[in-house]
Amino acid sequence: MGGALSLNWLREDGRGRSYVSDWAAEIGGSVDRTTGLFSTVGRVVWLRLENCQLGHPWTGRGAMSSSSVATAGGAALRRDGKKLVRSPSGLRMVPEHRAFGSPFGLEEPQWVPDKECPRCMQCDIKFDFITRKHHCRRCGKCFCDKCCSKKVPLPRMCFVDPVRQCAECVLVSQKEMEFYDKQLKVLMNGATFCVTIGTSEKSELLVCRLSNNQRYLFLDGEIHYEIEIAQISTVQILTEGFTPGGGNTRATGMLLQYKEPGAQDVTQMKFTASEDSNSNKKQSTTWLAAMHKAAKLLYESRDQ
């Protein structure tokens, strides 16, 4: 699939986004030239190459050299390329290389072999010619149609379409959809924090956001940091407003520990919500709540 991806049309708009287009026609889809989103059979699938770090390849306003296109575009595709694969559970849009997958993702489960499940693992009804068995795409267990009838989205496993899941897994997947529909966008939009690194007494005002491929935290200000999500060891949300009676609390900051590749020691960063204005404060609080959910998904992915 990766070899079919072409770079005959590559453009960059005012927001610095670069999109690949012609490959869509090769698999019966299309790319919206306004949004850069790839779609097939009316479904938006996630093929968008953003912030490709093109450097300065332009040969003139609105023009790029062919060598720059090949070099910059090829590097981006190797890093963030996607391929469409068919598994027993359905169609999935997965990274070209597993190392470049989302740290929040889950691997497909091993299905319980048919010979080991003569009965529904929920209601215990016996399977026969009329009562068919179905495997839950999230847990891999066997169920009858009544106990495994719903099809819901499962983006953590990169499924293109909603897939069949048991009642218990449906509840979990539906809760996760709030993260993918809302909180992921909050993290990518970013928020402003006063950041203190290690034992330093000096803090820096930085905009913190999740990268579009979900693999990095970018911290931008007078300096630039990139923290690989996979290297984060702990995330602790700092709150205020707790009362003995169990009153409402408000997120005010975050302690984040991570280890850089090849480093022996753990680095700690403290994020404190910006007090510049009420709007910035609210944005930071919302971002922290989304990061708290992201940390839970990250731990689950590691424990799989």
Protein backbone atom coordinates (compact mmCIF):
# COMPACT_ATOMS: atom_id res chain seq x y z
CA MET A 1 0.00 0.00 0.00
CA GLY A 2 2.84 2.35 0.89
CA GLY A 3 4.23 2.11 -2.64
CA ALA A 4 0.97 3.38 -4.11
CA LEU A 5 1.22 6.74 -2.36
CA SER A 6 2.24 9.44 -4.81
CA LEU A 7 3.27 13.07 -4.46
CA ASN A 8 1.96 14.50 -7.74
CA TRP A 9 0.09 17.21 -5.89
CA LEU A 10 1.52 18.81 -2.77
CA ARG A 11 0.61 22.27 -1.64
CA GLU A 12 0.98 24.34 1.48
CA ASP A 13 -1.62 26.79 2.70
CA GLY A 14 -1.29 29.78 5.02
CA ARG A 15 -1.47 27.57 8.10
CA GLY A 16 1.58 25.56 7.10
CA ARG A 17 -0.26 22.34 6.26
CA SER A 18 0.91 20.03 3.50
CA TYR A 19 -1.39 17.50 1.90
CA VAL A 20 -1.00 14.53 -0.39
CA SER A 21 -3.75 14.04 -2.96
CA ASP A 22 -3.35 11.86 -6.02
CA TRP A 23 -3.08 8.59 -4.11
CA ALA A 24 -6.77 8.88 -3.15
CA ALA A 25 -7.97 8.09 -6.67
CA GLU A 26 -5.91 4.91 -6.71
CA ILE A 27 -8.05 3.33 -3.98
CA GLY A 28 -11.38 4.86 -4.93
CA GLY A 29 -11.32 7.85 -2.61
CA SER A 30 -10.69 11.55 -2.79
CA VAL A 31 -8.96 14.37 -0.95
CA ASP A 32 -10.78 17.58 -0.10
CA ARG A 33 -8.44 20.32 -1.32
CA THR A 34 -9.75 22.69 1.32
CA THR A 35 -9.36 20.51 4.40
CA GLY A 36 -6.80 17.98 3.18
CA LEU A 37 -8.92 15.11 4.50
CA PHE A 38 -8.98 11.81 2.66
CA SER A 39 -12.37 10.13 2.31
CA THR A 40 -13.66 6.94 0.76
CA VAL A 41 -17.27 5.81 0.25
CA GLY A 42 -18.43 8.93 2.04
CA ARG A 43 -16.37 8.30 5.18
CA VAL A 44 -13.65 10.59 6.40
CA VAL A 45 -10.63 8.45 7.25
CA TRP A 46 -7.60 10.17 8.79
CA LEU A 47 -5.02 10.72 6.09
CA ARG A 48 -3.75 14.20 6.69
CA LEU A 49 -0.08 15.12 6.69
CA GLU A 50 0.23 18.29 8.68
CA ASN A 51 3.28 20.28 9.76
CA CYS A 52 5.62 18.24 7.61
CA GLN A 53 8.62 20.34 8.65
CA LEU A 54 9.36 21.32 5.09
CA GLY A 55 12.00 23.85 6.14
CA HIS A 56 12.56 26.26 3.21
CA PRO A 57 12.05 24.21 0.05
CA TRP A 58 10.18 26.91 -1.89
CA THR A 59 11.80 28.05 -5.14
CA GLY A 60 9.33 30.91 -5.46
CA ARG A 61 5.96 32.01 -4.17
CA GLY A 62 3.60 29.10 -4.72
CA ALA A 63 6.26 26.85 -6.29
CA MET A 64 8.49 24.05 -5.00
CA SER A 65 11.45 22.31 -6.55
CA SER A 66 10.86 18.66 -7.45
CA SER A 67 13.82 17.57 -5.31
CA SER A 68 12.42 19.42 -2.30
CA VAL A 69 9.03 17.79 -2.78
CA ALA A 70 10.59 14.34 -2.94
CA THR A 71 12.86 14.91 0.07
CA ALA A 72 10.45 16.69 2.39
CA GLY A 73 7.37 14.75 1.35
CA GLY A 74 9.16 11.40 1.50
CA ALA A 75 10.40 12.07 5.03
CA ALA A 76 6.91 13.02 6.15
CA LEU A 77 5.37 9.91 4.61
CA ARG A 78 7.91 7.64 6.26
CA ARG A 79 7.10 9.23 9.59
CA ASP A 80 3.32 9.58 9.43
CA GLY A 81 2.26 7.37 6.52
CA LYS A 82 -0.91 5.31 6.84
CA LYS A 83 -2.01 2.14 5.11
CA LEU A 84 -5.41 0.50 4.79
CA VAL A 85 -5.41 -3.13 5.96
CA ARG A 86 -8.12 -5.75 6.29
CA SER A 87 -8.16 -7.88 9.42
CA PRO A 88 -10.73 -10.52 10.47
CA SER A 89 -12.39 -7.74 12.48
CA GLY A 90 -12.70 -5.21 9.65
CA LEU A 91 -10.87 -2.46 7.77
CA ARG A 92 -8.22 -0.53 9.69
CA MET A 93 -6.16 2.55 8.83
CA VAL A 94 -2.85 1.84 10.54
CA PRO A 95 0.63 3.43 10.53
CA GLU A 96 3.13 2.22 7.95
CA HIS A 97 5.41 1.37 10.86
CA ARG A 98 4.24 0.29 14.32
CA ALA A 99 6.81 2.55 15.97
CA PHE A 100 4.92 5.55 14.59
CA GLY A 101 1.51 4.56 15.96
CA SER A 102 -0.48 6.55 18.49
CA PRO A 103 0.63 5.89 22.10
CA PHE A 104 -3.07 5.77 23.04
CA GLY A 105 -3.82 2.89 20.67
CA LEU A 106 -4.67 -0.72 21.47
CA GLU A 107 -3.69 -3.90 19.67
CA GLU A 108 -6.41 -6.15 18.31
CA PRO A 109 -7.19 -8.96 20.77
CA GLN A 110 -6.71 -12.64 20.04
CA TRP A 111 -10.11 -14.17 19.39
CA VAL A 112 -11.20 -17.01 21.64
CA PRO A 113 -11.07 -20.10 19.36
CA ASP A 114 -14.49 -21.34 18.25
CA LYS A 115 -13.88 -24.80 19.70
CA GLU A 116 -13.32 -23.28 23.15
CA CYS A 117 -16.63 -21.41 23.31
CA PRO A 118 -19.63 -23.70 22.72
CA ARG A 119 -21.82 -21.24 24.68
CA CYS A 120 -22.30 -17.49 24.86
CA MET A 121 -19.86 -16.07 27.41
CA GLN A 122 -22.56 -13.66 28.64
CA CYS A 123 -25.94 -15.45 28.75
CA ASP A 124 -24.64 -19.04 28.45
CA ILE A 125 -26.97 -19.96 25.59
CA LYS A 126 -25.67 -22.85 23.49
CA PHE A 127 -24.54 -22.06 19.97
CA ASP A 128 -26.15 -24.00 17.12
CA PHE A 129 -27.21 -23.54 13.51
CA ILE A 130 -29.76 -20.88 14.50
CA THR A 131 -27.91 -19.25 17.38
CA ARG A 132 -24.73 -17.97 15.78
CA LYS A 133 -21.61 -16.91 17.64
CA HIS A 134 -19.91 -13.56 17.25
CA HIS A 135 -16.59 -12.27 18.52
CA CYS A 136 -16.35 -8.92 20.25
CA ARG A 137 -13.77 -6.87 18.34
CA ARG A 138 -12.49 -5.26 21.54
CA CYS A 139 -12.13 -8.18 23.98
CA GLY A 140 -12.14 -11.14 21.55
CA LYS A 141 -14.68 -13.18 23.53
CA CYS A 142 -17.60 -15.18 22.03
CA PHE A 143 -21.19 -14.01 22.34
CA CYS A 144 -24.58 -14.65 20.80
CA ASP A 145 -26.13 -12.03 18.57
CA LYS A 146 -28.32 -10.68 21.37
CA CYS A 147 -25.31 -10.09 23.66
CA CYS A 148 -23.07 -8.70 20.92
CA SER A 149 -25.32 -6.84 18.52
CA LYS A 150 -24.15 -3.23 18.72
CA LYS A 151 -21.59 -1.74 16.37
CA VAL A 152 -19.77 1.32 17.71
CA PRO A 153 -16.59 3.19 16.68
CA LEU A 154 -13.29 1.89 18.04
CA PRO A 155 -10.63 4.46 17.05
CA ARG A 156 -8.10 3.09 19.55
CA MET A 157 -7.71 0.09 17.24
CA CYS A 158 -7.81 2.25 14.09
CA PHE A 159 -11.01 0.75 12.69
CA VAL A 160 -12.47 2.70 9.78
CA ASP A 161 -16.07 1.67 10.50
CA PRO A 162 -18.00 0.93 13.71
CA VAL A 163 -17.41 -2.68 14.78
CA ARG A 164 -19.35 -5.31 16.71
CA GLN A 165 -18.74 -5.24 20.47
CA CYS A 166 -20.22 -6.85 23.56
CA ALA A 167 -22.34 -4.80 25.98
CA GLU A 168 -19.48 -4.25 28.44
CA CYS A 169 -17.03 -3.13 25.77
CA VAL A 170 -19.63 -0.86 24.15
CA LEU A 171 -19.81 1.19 27.35
CA VAL A 172 -16.03 1.55 27.49
CA SER A 173 -15.73 2.49 23.82
CA GLN A 174 -18.52 5.05 24.06
CA LYS A 175 -16.77 6.76 26.98
CA GLU A 176 -13.55 6.86 24.96
CA MET A 177 -15.32 8.57 22.07
CA GLU A 178 -15.58 11.75 24.15
CA PHE A 179 -11.79 11.80 24.22
CA TYR A 180 -11.47 11.29 20.47
CA ASP A 181 -14.33 13.64 19.55
CA LYS A 182 -13.59 16.50 21.95
CA GLN A 183 -10.60 16.20 24.26
CA LEU A 184 -8.10 15.24 21.57
CA LYS A 185 -8.92 18.49 19.75
CA VAL A 186 -8.44 20.42 23.00
CA LEU A 187 -4.98 18.90 23.45
CA MET A 188 -3.98 19.69 19.87
CA ASN A 189 -5.21 23.29 20.11
CA GLY A 190 -2.95 23.78 23.12
CA ALA A 191 -2.94 26.04 26.19
CA THR A 192 -0.53 28.41 27.92
CA PHE A 193 1.33 27.38 31.08
CA CYS A 194 4.14 28.60 33.30
CA VAL A 195 6.59 25.70 33.05
CA THR A 196 9.33 24.91 35.56
CA ILE A 197 11.93 22.30 34.63
CA GLY A 198 13.54 20.15 37.32
CA THR A 199 14.68 22.05 40.42
CA SER A 200 15.00 25.36 38.59
CA GLU A 201 13.43 28.37 40.30
CA LYS A 202 12.83 30.04 36.96
CA SER A 203 9.62 29.36 35.04
CA GLU A 204 8.93 29.97 31.36
CA LEU A 205 5.67 30.89 29.67
CA LEU A 206 5.07 28.19 27.06
CA VAL A 207 2.22 27.02 24.85
CA CYS A 208 1.79 23.27 25.30
CA ARG A 209 0.00 21.19 22.67
CA LEU A 210 -0.24 17.63 21.45
CA SER A 211 1.23 16.95 18.01
CA ASN A 212 -1.14 15.98 15.20
CA ASN A 213 0.22 12.43 15.16
CA GLN A 214 -0.41 12.20 18.93
CA ARG A 215 3.18 11.16 19.63
CA TYR A 216 4.67 14.35 21.07
CA LEU A 217 3.98 17.22 23.41
CA PHE A 218 5.24 20.45 21.86
CA LEU A 219 6.17 23.31 24.20
CA ASP A 220 6.70 26.59 22.39
CA GLY A 221 7.82 30.01 23.59
CA GLU A 222 11.25 31.59 23.56
CA ILE A 223 12.51 28.02 23.47
CA HIS A 224 11.07 24.82 21.99
CA TYR A 225 10.74 21.42 23.69
CA GLU A 226 9.50 18.13 22.30
CA ILE A 227 8.48 15.42 24.76
CA GLU A 228 7.75 11.98 23.33
CA ILE A 229 4.48 10.74 24.82
CA ALA A 230 5.82 7.18 24.96
CA GLN A 231 8.62 8.37 27.28
CA ILE A 232 6.25 9.90 29.86
CA SER A 233 6.32 7.86 33.07
CA THR A 234 3.87 9.75 35.31
CA VAL A 235 1.27 12.50 34.99
CA GLN A 236 -0.11 14.07 38.16
CA ILE A 237 -2.83 16.72 37.92
CA LEU A 238 -2.57 19.43 40.60
CA THR A 239 -5.87 20.73 41.98
CA GLU A 240 -7.22 23.29 44.42
CA GLY A 241 -10.57 23.85 46.10
CA PHE A 242 -10.85 20.47 47.85
CA THR A 243 -13.02 20.48 50.95
CA PRO A 244 -13.58 17.73 53.58
CA GLY A 245 -17.19 17.55 52.44
CA GLY A 246 -16.09 16.58 48.94
CA GLY A 247 -16.58 19.93 47.21
CA ASN A 248 -15.60 20.63 43.64
CA THR A 249 -11.93 20.84 42.76
CA ARG A 250 -10.30 22.72 39.91
CA ALA A 251 -7.20 21.67 38.00
CA THR A 252 -4.45 24.26 38.42
CA GLY A 253 -1.42 22.48 37.02
CA MET A 254 0.40 19.27 36.28
CA LEU A 255 3.54 17.42 37.29
CA LEU A 256 4.97 15.43 34.40
CA GLN A 257 7.92 13.04 34.56
CA TYR A 258 9.61 11.58 31.51
CA LYS A 259 12.86 9.99 30.46
CA GLU A 260 14.67 11.09 27.34
CA PRO A 261 15.97 8.28 25.09
CA GLY A 262 19.39 7.19 26.32
CA ALA A 263 19.14 9.20 29.54
CA GLN A 264 19.57 7.60 32.95
CA ASP A 265 17.60 10.09 35.04
CA VAL A 266 13.97 11.13 34.93
CA THR A 267 13.18 14.77 34.09
CA GLN A 268 10.32 16.50 35.88
CA MET A 269 8.31 19.44 34.58
CA LYS A 270 5.75 21.45 36.52
CA PHE A 271 2.97 23.13 34.55
CA THR A 272 1.00 25.91 36.23
CA ALA A 273 -2.10 27.33 34.57
CA SER A 274 -1.57 30.84 33.21
CA GLU A 275 -3.24 33.62 35.22
CA ASP A 276 -3.06 36.16 32.38
CA SER A 277 -6.82 36.25 31.84
CA ASN A 278 -9.96 34.30 32.67
CA SER A 279 -10.12 32.94 29.12
CA ASN A 280 -6.53 31.65 29.28
CA LYS A 281 -7.21 30.17 32.71
CA LYS A 282 -10.31 28.35 31.48
CA GLN A 283 -8.46 27.09 28.41
CA SER A 284 -5.62 25.76 30.59
CA THR A 285 -8.06 24.06 32.97
CA THR A 286 -9.87 22.38 30.07
CA TRP A 287 -6.54 21.27 28.59
CA LEU A 288 -5.47 19.73 31.92
CA ALA A 289 -8.72 17.76 32.16
CA ALA A 290 -8.12 16.40 28.65
CA MET A 291 -4.52 15.53 29.55
CA HIS A 292 -5.76 13.64 32.61
CA LYS A 293 -7.93 11.46 30.35
CA ALA A 294 -5.05 11.03 27.90
CA ALA A 295 -2.81 9.78 30.71
CA LYS A 296 -5.37 7.12 31.64
CA LEU A 297 -5.51 5.87 28.05
CA LEU A 298 -1.71 5.91 27.89
CA TYR A 299 -1.42 3.71 30.98
CA GLU A 300 -4.07 1.32 29.63
CA SER A 301 -2.19 0.96 26.35
CA ARG A 302 1.00 0.07 28.20
CA ASP A 303 -0.73 -2.46 30.44
CA GLN A 304 -2.35 -4.30 27.53
